[in-house]
Amino acid sequence: MLISDRNFLAHAPANIGVWLTRVLGGLLVCLTLVACKSDATQSPLAPEAKVLAFGDSLTYGAGVLPEETYPAQLQAMIQRQVVNGGLSGELSGYGLRRLPIWLDEYEPKLLILCHGANDLLRSLSEEKAAENVRAMVKMARDRKIDVVLIAVPKFGLMRAPPTFYEDIAKEFDIPIERHVLNDIVENNALRSDAVHPNAQGYRMIAQAIVKRLQKSGAL
C-alpha cells in the first residue's frame, strides 16, 4: 500500500523520532557491552611484587636520565619494583628471544610490553611483528604473568597504531594502552627527538599505565 506524500510528511516526525530513539538505545547497549567486555581484570599487585617493563628504546628511556624513564617514574608512582628491560634498537624478533631470560631472572608478576616500534620504523613486516608480540604475550600468560600491552603508533603520515595490538589484547583479554604514545608523537613539547619522549612524555606513559592498572584491579 502506497502512502501519499502528504500523509508521510504528517507522520514522519513522530515515526523518525521513535526510530531514532530505538536505534540510539540499541547502539548504547552495544557500546556498553563492548566496553564491559574490553575491561580486562588482573590480580592485585602485592607490595613485594616485581614488574618487568620490557621493550626497546621507548622502555630503555632514550634521551633522558635513568630516573626520568617511564619504568623509573612508574616505580615511584606504584611503590613496587619496576625492572627496566628496555634495549635500544631492538626488533621484536630479538625481543622474543630475549624475554624468557628476563622472565627467568626476575620472575615478575606483571609484564608491561611495549614492542614493535623498530619493526614499524624500518617498514618491516607488520605480520611478523604481530606474530612476535603475540608470542611474547603468550609466553608471559603461559607463566601466569599478567600483561599490560602498549600500542606503538606508526611513525609517518598515518600515526595510528596497527590493529594487531588491539587484536592481541582482545585475544588474551589483557589491558591495552592505546593512545599515550600517539599523543606524545604528535606533540613536540613531549619529545626529545622525532620519536622518543622527553622526561614529561615518559611521565605521561607512566601515568597512563597507572590508570590501566587501577582500572584492571591490579592497584
N, C-alpha and C. Protein backbone atom coordinates (compact mmCIF):
# COMPACT_ATOMS: atom_id res chain seq x y z
N MET A 1 0.85 -1.19 0.00
CA MET A 1 0.00 0.00 0.00
C MET A 1 0.88 1.24 0.00
N LEU A 2 0.64 2.16 -0.93
CA LEU A 2 1.43 3.36 -1.03
C LEU A 2 0.89 4.43 -0.10
N ILE A 3 1.81 5.21 0.52
CA ILE A 3 1.44 6.31 1.39
C ILE A 3 1.66 7.60 0.64
N SER A 4 0.66 8.47 0.65
CA SER A 4 0.79 9.73 -0.06
C SER A 4 1.85 10.58 0.59
N ASP A 5 2.45 11.51 -0.20
CA ASP A 5 3.47 12.39 0.33
C ASP A 5 2.95 13.19 1.51
N ARG A 6 1.68 13.62 1.42
CA ARG A 6 1.11 14.45 2.49
C ARG A 6 1.00 13.64 3.79
N ASN A 7 0.53 12.38 3.68
CA ASN A 7 0.40 11.54 4.88
C ASN A 7 1.76 11.21 5.47
N PHE A 8 2.72 10.96 4.58
CA PHE A 8 4.05 10.64 5.08
C PHE A 8 4.65 11.80 5.84
N LEU A 9 4.54 12.99 5.28
CA LEU A 9 5.09 14.17 5.94
C LEU A 9 4.38 14.45 7.25
N ALA A 10 3.11 14.11 7.31
CA ALA A 10 2.36 14.35 8.53
C ALA A 10 2.82 13.45 9.66
N HIS A 11 3.19 12.22 9.30
CA HIS A 11 3.54 11.25 10.33
C HIS A 11 5.05 11.05 10.49
N ALA A 12 5.83 11.56 9.55
CA ALA A 12 7.28 11.30 9.57
C ALA A 12 7.97 11.77 10.83
N PRO A 13 7.73 12.99 11.35
CA PRO A 13 8.47 13.44 12.51
C PRO A 13 8.34 12.49 13.70
N ALA A 14 7.11 12.06 13.99
CA ALA A 14 6.90 11.16 15.12
C ALA A 14 7.55 9.82 14.87
N ASN A 15 7.36 9.30 13.65
CA ASN A 15 7.94 7.99 13.33
C ASN A 15 9.46 8.02 13.38
N ILE A 16 10.06 9.07 12.81
CA ILE A 16 11.51 9.19 12.82
C ILE A 16 12.03 9.33 14.24
N GLY A 17 11.29 10.07 15.06
CA GLY A 17 11.73 10.23 16.45
C GLY A 17 11.75 8.91 17.19
N VAL A 18 10.72 8.10 17.00
CA VAL A 18 10.67 6.78 17.65
C VAL A 18 11.78 5.89 17.13
N TRP A 19 11.96 5.93 15.80
CA TRP A 19 13.00 5.09 15.18
C TRP A 19 14.38 5.47 15.69
N LEU A 20 14.68 6.79 15.73
CA LEU A 20 15.98 7.25 16.21
C LEU A 20 16.19 6.86 17.66
N THR A 21 15.14 6.96 18.47
CA THR A 21 15.26 6.59 19.88
C THR A 21 15.63 5.13 20.03
N ARG A 22 14.96 4.28 19.23
CA ARG A 22 15.25 2.85 19.31
C ARG A 22 16.65 2.53 18.83
N VAL A 23 17.06 3.18 17.72
CA VAL A 23 18.40 2.93 17.18
C VAL A 23 19.48 3.38 18.16
N LEU A 24 19.33 4.59 18.69
CA LEU A 24 20.32 5.11 19.63
C LEU A 24 20.37 4.28 20.89
N GLY A 25 19.19 3.83 21.33
CA GLY A 25 19.16 2.97 22.51
C GLY A 25 19.91 1.67 22.27
N GLY A 26 19.71 1.11 21.07
CA GLY A 26 20.42 -0.13 20.73
C GLY A 26 21.91 0.07 20.65
N LEU A 27 22.33 1.21 20.08
CA LEU A 27 23.77 1.50 19.98
C LEU A 27 24.39 1.64 21.36
N LEU A 28 23.68 2.30 22.27
CA LEU A 28 24.20 2.46 23.63
C LEU A 28 24.38 1.13 24.31
N VAL A 29 23.42 0.23 24.11
CA VAL A 29 23.54 -1.11 24.69
C VAL A 29 24.74 -1.83 24.13
N CYS A 30 24.91 -1.75 22.79
CA CYS A 30 26.05 -2.42 22.15
C CYS A 30 27.38 -1.86 22.64
N LEU A 31 27.46 -0.53 22.72
CA LEU A 31 28.70 0.10 23.18
C LEU A 31 29.00 -0.27 24.61
N THR A 32 27.96 -0.36 25.43
CA THR A 32 28.16 -0.74 26.83
C THR A 32 28.69 -2.16 26.94
N LEU A 33 28.11 -3.06 26.13
CA LEU A 33 28.57 -4.45 26.15
C LEU A 33 30.00 -4.56 25.68
N VAL A 34 30.35 -3.82 24.62
CA VAL A 34 31.74 -3.85 24.12
C VAL A 34 32.70 -3.31 25.17
N ALA A 35 32.32 -2.21 25.81
CA ALA A 35 33.19 -1.60 26.82
C ALA A 35 33.40 -2.55 27.98
N CYS A 36 32.31 -3.20 28.41
CA CYS A 36 32.43 -4.13 29.54
C CYS A 36 33.33 -5.30 29.18
N LYS A 37 33.17 -5.79 27.94
CA LYS A 37 33.96 -6.94 27.52
C LYS A 37 35.43 -6.61 27.44
N SER A 38 35.78 -5.36 27.12
CA SER A 38 37.17 -4.99 26.93
C SER A 38 37.87 -4.60 28.23
N ASP A 39 37.11 -4.51 29.33
CA ASP A 39 37.69 -4.13 30.60
C ASP A 39 38.32 -5.35 31.27
N ALA A 40 39.55 -5.69 30.88
CA ALA A 40 40.22 -6.85 31.43
C ALA A 40 40.55 -6.63 32.91
N THR A 41 40.43 -7.69 33.68
CA THR A 41 40.77 -7.63 35.10
C THR A 41 42.08 -8.36 35.36
N GLN A 42 42.77 -7.94 36.43
CA GLN A 42 44.05 -8.54 36.79
C GLN A 42 44.12 -8.75 38.29
N SER A 43 45.03 -9.62 38.70
CA SER A 43 45.23 -9.88 40.12
C SER A 43 45.88 -8.67 40.78
N PRO A 44 45.50 -8.35 42.01
CA PRO A 44 46.14 -7.23 42.71
C PRO A 44 47.65 -7.45 42.85
N LEU A 45 48.41 -6.40 42.65
CA LEU A 45 49.86 -6.48 42.79
C LEU A 45 50.24 -6.34 44.27
N ALA A 46 50.85 -7.36 44.82
CA ALA A 46 51.31 -7.28 46.20
C ALA A 46 52.44 -6.26 46.31
N PRO A 47 52.64 -5.68 47.50
CA PRO A 47 53.69 -4.67 47.66
C PRO A 47 55.08 -5.17 47.26
N GLU A 48 55.32 -6.47 47.42
CA GLU A 48 56.63 -7.02 47.09
C GLU A 48 56.72 -7.53 45.65
N ALA A 49 55.64 -7.42 44.89
CA ALA A 49 55.62 -7.93 43.52
C ALA A 49 56.57 -7.14 42.62
N LYS A 50 57.20 -7.88 41.70
CA LYS A 50 58.09 -7.24 40.73
C LYS A 50 57.33 -7.03 39.42
N VAL A 51 57.64 -5.91 38.78
CA VAL A 51 57.07 -5.57 37.48
C VAL A 51 58.21 -5.48 36.48
N LEU A 52 58.04 -6.11 35.33
CA LEU A 52 59.05 -6.03 34.27
C LEU A 52 58.51 -5.17 33.14
N ALA A 53 59.16 -4.04 32.90
CA ALA A 53 58.87 -3.20 31.74
C ALA A 53 59.81 -3.64 30.63
N PHE A 54 59.25 -4.17 29.55
CA PHE A 54 60.07 -4.81 28.52
C PHE A 54 59.79 -4.17 27.16
N GLY A 55 60.87 -3.88 26.44
CA GLY A 55 60.70 -3.28 25.12
C GLY A 55 62.01 -2.79 24.54
N ASP A 56 61.92 -1.75 23.73
CA ASP A 56 63.08 -1.20 23.04
C ASP A 56 63.49 0.12 23.68
N SER A 57 63.91 1.09 22.87
CA SER A 57 64.39 2.36 23.42
C SER A 57 63.30 3.17 24.11
N LEU A 58 62.04 2.96 23.74
CA LEU A 58 60.94 3.64 24.41
C LEU A 58 60.83 3.21 25.87
N THR A 59 61.24 1.98 26.15
CA THR A 59 61.27 1.48 27.52
C THR A 59 62.61 1.80 28.18
N TYR A 60 63.68 1.62 27.43
CA TYR A 60 65.01 1.93 27.96
C TYR A 60 65.10 3.38 28.42
N GLY A 61 64.48 4.28 27.66
CA GLY A 61 64.48 5.68 28.05
C GLY A 61 65.47 6.52 27.27
N ALA A 62 65.56 6.29 25.97
CA ALA A 62 66.47 7.08 25.14
C ALA A 62 66.15 8.56 25.27
N GLY A 63 67.20 9.35 25.48
CA GLY A 63 67.05 10.80 25.52
C GLY A 63 66.87 11.42 26.89
N VAL A 64 66.78 10.57 27.94
CA VAL A 64 66.58 11.12 29.29
C VAL A 64 67.50 10.42 30.28
N LEU A 65 67.57 10.95 31.50
CA LEU A 65 68.33 10.34 32.58
C LEU A 65 67.63 9.07 33.07
N PRO A 66 68.36 8.15 33.68
CA PRO A 66 67.74 6.89 34.15
C PRO A 66 66.53 7.11 35.04
N GLU A 67 66.57 8.11 35.90
CA GLU A 67 65.45 8.36 36.82
C GLU A 67 64.25 9.00 36.12
N GLU A 68 64.43 9.40 34.85
CA GLU A 68 63.34 10.03 34.10
C GLU A 68 62.64 9.07 33.14
N THR A 69 63.12 7.85 33.03
CA THR A 69 62.49 6.86 32.16
C THR A 69 61.10 6.52 32.70
N TYR A 70 60.27 5.96 31.84
CA TYR A 70 58.93 5.63 32.35
C TYR A 70 58.95 4.51 33.39
N PRO A 71 59.83 3.48 33.28
CA PRO A 71 59.85 2.48 34.35
C PRO A 71 60.25 3.08 35.71
N ALA A 72 61.23 4.00 35.71
CA ALA A 72 61.65 4.62 36.97
C ALA A 72 60.54 5.47 37.56
N GLN A 73 59.86 6.24 36.71
CA GLN A 73 58.78 7.08 37.19
C GLN A 73 57.58 6.24 37.63
N LEU A 74 57.33 5.15 36.93
CA LEU A 74 56.25 4.25 37.32
C LEU A 74 56.53 3.61 38.68
N GLN A 75 57.78 3.23 38.91
CA GLN A 75 58.15 2.63 40.19
C GLN A 75 57.83 3.58 41.36
N ALA A 76 58.14 4.86 41.17
CA ALA A 76 57.84 5.83 42.22
C ALA A 76 56.34 6.00 42.43
N MET A 77 55.57 5.86 41.36
CA MET A 77 54.12 6.06 41.44
C MET A 77 53.41 4.89 42.12
N ILE A 78 53.84 3.66 41.83
CA ILE A 78 53.11 2.49 42.33
C ILE A 78 53.77 1.83 43.54
N GLN A 79 54.98 2.31 43.90
CA GLN A 79 55.66 1.78 45.08
C GLN A 79 55.89 0.27 44.99
N ARG A 80 56.21 -0.20 43.80
CA ARG A 80 56.65 -1.58 43.55
C ARG A 80 57.90 -1.53 42.70
N GLN A 81 58.73 -2.57 42.80
CA GLN A 81 59.94 -2.61 41.99
C GLN A 81 59.57 -2.77 40.52
N VAL A 82 60.06 -1.87 39.70
CA VAL A 82 59.85 -1.96 38.25
C VAL A 82 61.21 -2.11 37.59
N VAL A 83 61.44 -3.25 36.98
CA VAL A 83 62.70 -3.55 36.31
C VAL A 83 62.65 -3.01 34.88
N ASN A 84 63.67 -2.26 34.50
CA ASN A 84 63.74 -1.72 33.14
C ASN A 84 64.42 -2.75 32.23
N GLY A 85 63.61 -3.38 31.40
CA GLY A 85 64.11 -4.38 30.46
C GLY A 85 64.13 -3.86 29.04
N GLY A 86 64.39 -2.56 28.86
CA GLY A 86 64.43 -1.98 27.53
C GLY A 86 65.79 -2.11 26.89
N LEU A 87 65.81 -2.29 25.57
CA LEU A 87 67.05 -2.38 24.81
C LEU A 87 66.90 -1.55 23.54
N SER A 88 67.68 -0.50 23.44
CA SER A 88 67.57 0.42 22.30
C SER A 88 67.85 -0.29 20.98
N GLY A 89 67.03 0.01 19.98
CA GLY A 89 67.22 -0.53 18.64
C GLY A 89 66.73 -1.94 18.43
N GLU A 90 66.14 -2.54 19.43
CA GLU A 90 65.76 -3.95 19.34
C GLU A 90 64.54 -4.15 18.44
N LEU A 91 64.62 -5.16 17.59
CA LEU A 91 63.48 -5.62 16.81
C LEU A 91 62.68 -6.63 17.61
N SER A 92 61.42 -6.80 17.27
CA SER A 92 60.55 -7.67 18.05
C SER A 92 61.02 -9.13 18.05
N GLY A 93 61.65 -9.57 16.95
CA GLY A 93 62.14 -10.94 16.90
C GLY A 93 63.21 -11.21 17.94
N TYR A 94 64.12 -10.24 18.12
CA TYR A 94 65.15 -10.41 19.13
C TYR A 94 64.54 -10.29 20.53
N GLY A 95 63.56 -9.41 20.67
CA GLY A 95 62.88 -9.30 21.96
C GLY A 95 62.24 -10.61 22.37
N LEU A 96 61.67 -11.31 21.41
CA LEU A 96 61.06 -12.61 21.69
C LEU A 96 62.09 -13.60 22.21
N ARG A 97 63.30 -13.56 21.67
CA ARG A 97 64.36 -14.46 22.14
C ARG A 97 64.93 -14.02 23.49
N ARG A 98 64.89 -12.72 23.76
CA ARG A 98 65.46 -12.19 25.00
C ARG A 98 64.50 -12.30 26.19
N LEU A 99 63.21 -12.24 25.93
CA LEU A 99 62.23 -12.18 27.02
C LEU A 99 62.32 -13.32 28.02
N PRO A 100 62.43 -14.59 27.60
CA PRO A 100 62.45 -15.66 28.60
C PRO A 100 63.61 -15.54 29.59
N ILE A 101 64.72 -14.96 29.16
CA ILE A 101 65.86 -14.77 30.06
C ILE A 101 65.48 -13.82 31.19
N TRP A 102 64.79 -12.76 30.85
CA TRP A 102 64.38 -11.77 31.84
C TRP A 102 63.27 -12.30 32.74
N LEU A 103 62.36 -13.09 32.17
CA LEU A 103 61.30 -13.68 32.99
C LEU A 103 61.89 -14.67 34.00
N ASP A 104 62.88 -15.45 33.56
CA ASP A 104 63.53 -16.39 34.48
C ASP A 104 64.31 -15.67 35.56
N GLU A 105 64.96 -14.57 35.19
CA GLU A 105 65.82 -13.85 36.13
C GLU A 105 65.02 -13.12 37.20
N TYR A 106 63.93 -12.47 36.82
CA TYR A 106 63.24 -11.58 37.77
C TYR A 106 61.90 -12.13 38.26
N GLU A 107 61.34 -13.10 37.58
CA GLU A 107 60.07 -13.71 37.99
C GLU A 107 59.01 -12.65 38.32
N PRO A 108 58.70 -11.79 37.35
CA PRO A 108 57.75 -10.71 37.62
C PRO A 108 56.31 -11.24 37.73
N LYS A 109 55.50 -10.47 38.43
CA LYS A 109 54.06 -10.76 38.49
C LYS A 109 53.31 -10.03 37.37
N LEU A 110 53.97 -9.01 36.82
CA LEU A 110 53.35 -8.21 35.76
C LEU A 110 54.39 -7.87 34.71
N LEU A 111 54.00 -8.03 33.45
CA LEU A 111 54.83 -7.62 32.31
C LEU A 111 54.16 -6.45 31.61
N ILE A 112 54.89 -5.35 31.46
CA ILE A 112 54.42 -4.23 30.65
C ILE A 112 55.19 -4.30 29.34
N LEU A 113 54.49 -4.59 28.27
CA LEU A 113 55.14 -4.87 26.98
C LEU A 113 54.89 -3.74 26.00
N CYS A 114 56.00 -3.15 25.56
CA CYS A 114 55.94 -2.08 24.55
C CYS A 114 56.96 -2.43 23.47
N HIS A 115 56.52 -3.09 22.42
CA HIS A 115 57.46 -3.57 21.41
C HIS A 115 56.88 -3.43 20.00
N GLY A 116 57.78 -3.42 19.03
CA GLY A 116 57.40 -3.34 17.63
C GLY A 116 57.73 -2.01 16.97
N ALA A 117 58.20 -1.03 17.75
CA ALA A 117 58.48 0.29 17.18
C ALA A 117 59.55 0.23 16.10
N ASN A 118 60.61 -0.51 16.33
CA ASN A 118 61.70 -0.56 15.34
C ASN A 118 61.29 -1.32 14.09
N ASP A 119 60.43 -2.33 14.25
CA ASP A 119 59.89 -3.02 13.08
C ASP A 119 59.12 -2.02 12.20
N LEU A 120 58.31 -1.18 12.86
CA LEU A 120 57.50 -0.22 12.12
C LEU A 120 58.37 0.87 11.51
N LEU A 121 59.38 1.34 12.25
CA LEU A 121 60.26 2.38 11.74
C LEU A 121 61.01 1.92 10.49
N ARG A 122 61.36 0.65 10.45
CA ARG A 122 62.13 0.12 9.33
C ARG A 122 61.24 -0.48 8.23
N SER A 123 59.92 -0.28 8.41
CA SER A 123 58.95 -0.79 7.43
C SER A 123 59.09 -2.29 7.20
N LEU A 124 59.36 -3.01 8.30
CA LEU A 124 59.41 -4.46 8.23
C LEU A 124 57.99 -5.02 8.29
N SER A 125 57.88 -6.32 8.17
CA SER A 125 56.58 -6.96 8.09
C SER A 125 55.76 -6.74 9.36
N GLU A 126 54.58 -6.13 9.21
CA GLU A 126 53.69 -5.98 10.36
C GLU A 126 53.17 -7.34 10.82
N GLU A 127 52.98 -8.25 9.88
CA GLU A 127 52.51 -9.58 10.24
C GLU A 127 53.52 -10.28 11.14
N LYS A 128 54.82 -10.13 10.83
CA LYS A 128 55.85 -10.76 11.65
C LYS A 128 55.94 -10.08 13.01
N ALA A 129 55.84 -8.76 13.03
CA ALA A 129 55.85 -8.04 14.30
C ALA A 129 54.69 -8.48 15.17
N ALA A 130 53.51 -8.61 14.56
CA ALA A 130 52.34 -9.07 15.29
C ALA A 130 52.56 -10.47 15.85
N GLU A 131 53.15 -11.34 15.04
CA GLU A 131 53.43 -12.70 15.48
C GLU A 131 54.38 -12.71 16.68
N ASN A 132 55.40 -11.85 16.64
CA ASN A 132 56.37 -11.81 17.73
C ASN A 132 55.77 -11.23 19.01
N VAL A 133 55.01 -10.13 18.86
CA VAL A 133 54.38 -9.53 20.05
C VAL A 133 53.38 -10.52 20.66
N ARG A 134 52.61 -11.17 19.82
CA ARG A 134 51.66 -12.16 20.33
C ARG A 134 52.38 -13.28 21.07
N ALA A 135 53.51 -13.74 20.54
CA ALA A 135 54.26 -14.82 21.18
C ALA A 135 54.81 -14.38 22.54
N MET A 136 55.20 -13.11 22.64
CA MET A 136 55.69 -12.60 23.93
C MET A 136 54.57 -12.55 24.95
N VAL A 137 53.40 -12.11 24.53
CA VAL A 137 52.26 -12.08 25.44
C VAL A 137 51.90 -13.50 25.88
N LYS A 138 51.86 -14.41 24.93
CA LYS A 138 51.52 -15.80 25.26
C LYS A 138 52.54 -16.41 26.21
N MET A 139 53.81 -16.10 26.00
CA MET A 139 54.85 -16.62 26.88
C MET A 139 54.60 -16.20 28.32
N ALA A 140 54.27 -14.94 28.50
CA ALA A 140 54.01 -14.44 29.86
C ALA A 140 52.74 -15.06 30.44
N ARG A 141 51.67 -15.11 29.66
CA ARG A 141 50.41 -15.64 30.17
C ARG A 141 50.53 -17.13 30.49
N ASP A 142 51.32 -17.86 29.70
CA ASP A 142 51.55 -19.28 29.99
C ASP A 142 52.24 -19.47 31.34
N ARG A 143 52.98 -18.45 31.77
CA ARG A 143 53.65 -18.48 33.07
C ARG A 143 52.80 -17.83 34.16
N LYS A 144 51.56 -17.55 33.86
CA LYS A 144 50.63 -16.93 34.81
C LYS A 144 51.06 -15.51 35.19
N ILE A 145 51.71 -14.83 34.27
CA ILE A 145 52.13 -13.44 34.47
C ILE A 145 51.12 -12.53 33.79
N ASP A 146 50.60 -11.56 34.51
CA ASP A 146 49.70 -10.58 33.92
C ASP A 146 50.47 -9.68 32.96
N VAL A 147 49.76 -9.15 31.97
CA VAL A 147 50.40 -8.34 30.93
C VAL A 147 49.58 -7.07 30.69
N VAL A 148 50.28 -5.95 30.54
CA VAL A 148 49.70 -4.73 30.01
C VAL A 148 50.42 -4.43 28.70
N LEU A 149 49.66 -4.25 27.63
CA LEU A 149 50.23 -4.01 26.31
C LEU A 149 50.14 -2.53 25.96
N ILE A 150 51.25 -1.98 25.46
CA ILE A 150 51.27 -0.59 25.00
C ILE A 150 51.34 -0.60 23.47
N ALA A 151 50.34 0.00 22.84
CA ALA A 151 50.30 0.05 21.37
C ALA A 151 51.24 1.13 20.86
N VAL A 152 52.04 0.77 19.87
CA VAL A 152 53.02 1.70 19.29
C VAL A 152 52.48 2.24 17.97
N PRO A 153 52.47 3.55 17.79
CA PRO A 153 51.96 4.11 16.53
C PRO A 153 52.98 3.97 15.40
N LYS A 154 52.48 4.05 14.19
CA LYS A 154 53.37 4.14 13.04
C LYS A 154 53.96 5.55 13.00
N PHE A 155 55.22 5.65 12.65
CA PHE A 155 55.90 6.93 12.63
C PHE A 155 55.92 7.48 11.21
N GLY A 156 54.79 8.00 10.77
CA GLY A 156 54.67 8.54 9.44
C GLY A 156 53.39 9.36 9.35
N LEU A 157 52.83 9.45 8.15
CA LEU A 157 51.60 10.22 7.97
C LEU A 157 50.45 9.57 8.73
N MET A 158 50.36 8.24 8.67
CA MET A 158 49.33 7.51 9.38
C MET A 158 49.91 7.03 10.70
N ARG A 159 49.66 7.79 11.76
CA ARG A 159 50.32 7.52 13.03
C ARG A 159 49.54 6.61 13.97
N ALA A 160 48.38 6.16 13.58
CA ALA A 160 47.61 5.28 14.44
C ALA A 160 48.34 3.95 14.59
N PRO A 161 48.24 3.31 15.76
CA PRO A 161 48.87 2.00 15.94
C PRO A 161 48.27 0.97 15.00
N PRO A 162 49.05 0.00 14.55
CA PRO A 162 48.49 -1.09 13.76
C PRO A 162 47.42 -1.83 14.56
N THR A 163 46.46 -2.39 13.86
CA THR A 163 45.34 -3.04 14.54
C THR A 163 45.74 -4.30 15.29
N PHE A 164 46.92 -4.84 15.01
CA PHE A 164 47.27 -6.10 15.66
C PHE A 164 47.41 -5.96 17.17
N TYR A 165 47.76 -4.77 17.65
CA TYR A 165 47.85 -4.59 19.10
C TYR A 165 46.48 -4.81 19.75
N GLU A 166 45.47 -4.20 19.17
CA GLU A 166 44.11 -4.36 19.70
C GLU A 166 43.66 -5.81 19.60
N ASP A 167 43.99 -6.46 18.49
CA ASP A 167 43.59 -7.86 18.29
C ASP A 167 44.23 -8.76 19.35
N ILE A 168 45.50 -8.53 19.64
CA ILE A 168 46.20 -9.34 20.64
C ILE A 168 45.61 -9.10 22.02
N ALA A 169 45.33 -7.86 22.35
CA ALA A 169 44.75 -7.54 23.66
C ALA A 169 43.40 -8.24 23.83
N LYS A 170 42.59 -8.25 22.78
CA LYS A 170 41.29 -8.92 22.85
C LYS A 170 41.46 -10.43 22.97
N GLU A 171 42.40 -10.98 22.20
CA GLU A 171 42.60 -12.43 22.22
C GLU A 171 42.96 -12.94 23.60
N PHE A 172 43.84 -12.20 24.30
CA PHE A 172 44.31 -12.65 25.61
C PHE A 172 43.58 -11.95 26.76
N ASP A 173 42.64 -11.09 26.44
CA ASP A 173 41.86 -10.37 27.45
C ASP A 173 42.77 -9.65 28.43
N ILE A 174 43.64 -8.80 27.88
CA ILE A 174 44.59 -8.05 28.70
C ILE A 174 44.38 -6.56 28.48
N PRO A 175 44.73 -5.73 29.47
CA PRO A 175 44.60 -4.28 29.28
C PRO A 175 45.56 -3.79 28.21
N ILE A 176 45.12 -2.77 27.49
CA ILE A 176 45.97 -2.16 26.47
C ILE A 176 45.90 -0.65 26.61
N GLU A 177 47.06 -0.01 26.52
CA GLU A 177 47.13 1.45 26.47
C GLU A 177 47.27 1.83 25.01
N ARG A 178 46.21 2.42 24.46
CA ARG A 178 46.13 2.64 23.02
C ARG A 178 46.66 3.99 22.57
N HIS A 179 46.61 5.01 23.43
CA HIS A 179 46.71 6.38 22.93
C HIS A 179 47.96 7.14 23.34
N VAL A 180 48.59 6.79 24.45
CA VAL A 180 49.59 7.71 25.02
C VAL A 180 50.77 7.95 24.08
N LEU A 181 51.30 6.92 23.44
CA LEU A 181 52.45 7.13 22.56
C LEU A 181 52.06 7.95 21.34
N ASN A 182 50.87 7.74 20.84
CA ASN A 182 50.40 8.54 19.71
C ASN A 182 50.28 10.02 20.09
N ASP A 183 49.77 10.27 21.30
CA ASP A 183 49.65 11.65 21.78
C ASP A 183 51.02 12.30 21.91
N ILE A 184 52.01 11.54 22.37
CA ILE A 184 53.35 12.08 22.54
C ILE A 184 54.01 12.38 21.20
N VAL A 185 53.88 11.46 20.25
CA VAL A 185 54.47 11.65 18.93
C VAL A 185 53.92 12.90 18.25
N GLU A 186 52.67 13.23 18.51
CA GLU A 186 52.03 14.38 17.86
C GLU A 186 52.29 15.71 18.58
N ASN A 187 53.05 15.68 19.68
CA ASN A 187 53.28 16.89 20.46
C ASN A 187 54.78 17.12 20.63
N ASN A 188 55.33 18.11 19.95
CA ASN A 188 56.77 18.38 20.02
C ASN A 188 57.24 18.66 21.44
N ALA A 189 56.39 19.23 22.27
CA ALA A 189 56.77 19.59 23.64
C ALA A 189 56.97 18.36 24.52
N LEU A 190 56.56 17.18 24.04
CA LEU A 190 56.66 15.95 24.84
C LEU A 190 57.75 15.02 24.32
N ARG A 191 58.53 15.48 23.32
CA ARG A 191 59.54 14.62 22.70
C ARG A 191 60.94 15.21 22.81
N SER A 192 61.94 14.32 22.92
CA SER A 192 63.33 14.75 22.91
C SER A 192 63.92 14.69 21.50
N ASP A 193 63.28 13.93 20.62
CA ASP A 193 63.67 13.87 19.20
C ASP A 193 62.43 13.48 18.40
N ALA A 194 62.62 12.98 17.21
CA ALA A 194 61.47 12.71 16.34
C ALA A 194 60.55 11.63 16.88
N VAL A 195 61.08 10.68 17.64
CA VAL A 195 60.25 9.54 18.07
C VAL A 195 60.28 9.28 19.57
N HIS A 196 61.27 9.81 20.29
CA HIS A 196 61.40 9.47 21.71
C HIS A 196 60.83 10.56 22.61
N PRO A 197 60.14 10.15 23.67
CA PRO A 197 59.61 11.14 24.62
C PRO A 197 60.74 11.82 25.40
N ASN A 198 60.43 12.98 25.95
CA ASN A 198 61.31 13.61 26.94
C ASN A 198 60.82 13.18 28.32
N ALA A 199 61.37 13.76 29.38
CA ALA A 199 61.00 13.34 30.73
C ALA A 199 59.50 13.49 30.97
N GLN A 200 58.93 14.58 30.47
CA GLN A 200 57.49 14.79 30.65
C GLN A 200 56.68 13.75 29.87
N GLY A 201 57.16 13.42 28.67
CA GLY A 201 56.48 12.39 27.89
C GLY A 201 56.54 11.03 28.55
N TYR A 202 57.71 10.68 29.09
CA TYR A 202 57.82 9.40 29.80
C TYR A 202 56.92 9.39 31.04
N ARG A 203 56.78 10.53 31.67
CA ARG A 203 55.88 10.61 32.83
C ARG A 203 54.43 10.34 32.40
N MET A 204 54.07 10.84 31.23
CA MET A 204 52.72 10.58 30.71
C MET A 204 52.50 9.09 30.49
N ILE A 205 53.52 8.38 30.00
CA ILE A 205 53.40 6.93 29.81
C ILE A 205 53.17 6.26 31.16
N ALA A 206 53.97 6.62 32.16
CA ALA A 206 53.82 6.03 33.48
C ALA A 206 52.42 6.31 34.04
N GLN A 207 51.95 7.52 33.89
CA GLN A 207 50.62 7.87 34.39
C GLN A 207 49.52 7.08 33.68
N ALA A 208 49.68 6.89 32.37
CA ALA A 208 48.69 6.13 31.61
C ALA A 208 48.66 4.67 32.08
N ILE A 209 49.82 4.12 32.38
CA ILE A 209 49.88 2.74 32.85
C ILE A 209 49.24 2.62 34.23
N VAL A 210 49.48 3.59 35.09
CA VAL A 210 48.85 3.58 36.41
C VAL A 210 47.34 3.53 36.28
N LYS A 211 46.79 4.32 35.39
CA LYS A 211 45.34 4.33 35.18
C LYS A 211 44.85 2.97 34.70
N ARG A 212 45.61 2.33 33.81
CA ARG A 212 45.22 1.00 33.34
C ARG A 212 45.26 -0.02 34.48
N LEU A 213 46.27 0.06 35.32
CA LEU A 213 46.39 -0.87 36.43
C LEU A 213 45.29 -0.66 37.45
N GLN A 214 44.93 0.58 37.67
CA GLN A 214 43.82 0.88 38.59
C GLN A 214 42.50 0.36 38.03
N LYS A 215 42.29 0.53 36.73
CA LYS A 215 41.06 0.09 36.11
C LYS A 215 40.95 -1.43 36.10
N SER A 216 42.08 -2.11 35.94
CA SER A 216 42.07 -3.58 35.88
C SER A 216 42.00 -4.23 37.25
N GLY A 217 42.22 -3.46 38.31
CA GLY A 217 42.20 -4.02 39.65
C GLY A 217 43.56 -4.43 40.17
N ALA A 218 44.62 -4.20 39.37
CA ALA A 218 45.97 -4.55 39.83
C ALA A 218 46.44 -3.62 40.94
N LEU A 219 45.95 -2.38 40.95
CA LEU A 219 46.28 -1.42 42.01
C LEU A 219 45.02 -1.00 42.74
